[in-house]
């Protein structure tokens, strides 16, 4: 098998791994939107329906559930993306070795930054705190 044919095989593997990376990334964002939409629905429920009073500890326990679920899912998504990004880099290096650095660059590099997890979970925490404040305002009023 010639170098060019081998490079085509590695390039196809790269494209497949890149597509998988982007698919998992898309799943992560869909989950973000889902959890934030769910919390918005809870906020609407709290605002429109009179709910019974619960202790502060129960409120904290209930509020921490979506935060923990969101964190766990994002860590799992990040781990899967890291695996596929590493495969992309490996396949890209094989293409570069076979075709040279200039010809071997298939596409822009993939980004997999763990700081996004912190930002996305902080958004979830802010929404949960906002829902708790709405609930507490309703109970106090």
Foldseek 3Di string as FASTA:
>chain_A
DALVVVLVVLVVVLVVLVVVLVVLVVVLVVVLVVLLVVLVVLLVCLQPDQDDDDDPVVLVVVLVVSLVVNLVSVVVSLVSSVVSLVSSVVSLVSSCVSPNVVVSPPDDRDDRDPVVSVVSSVVSNVSSVVSVVSNVVSVVD
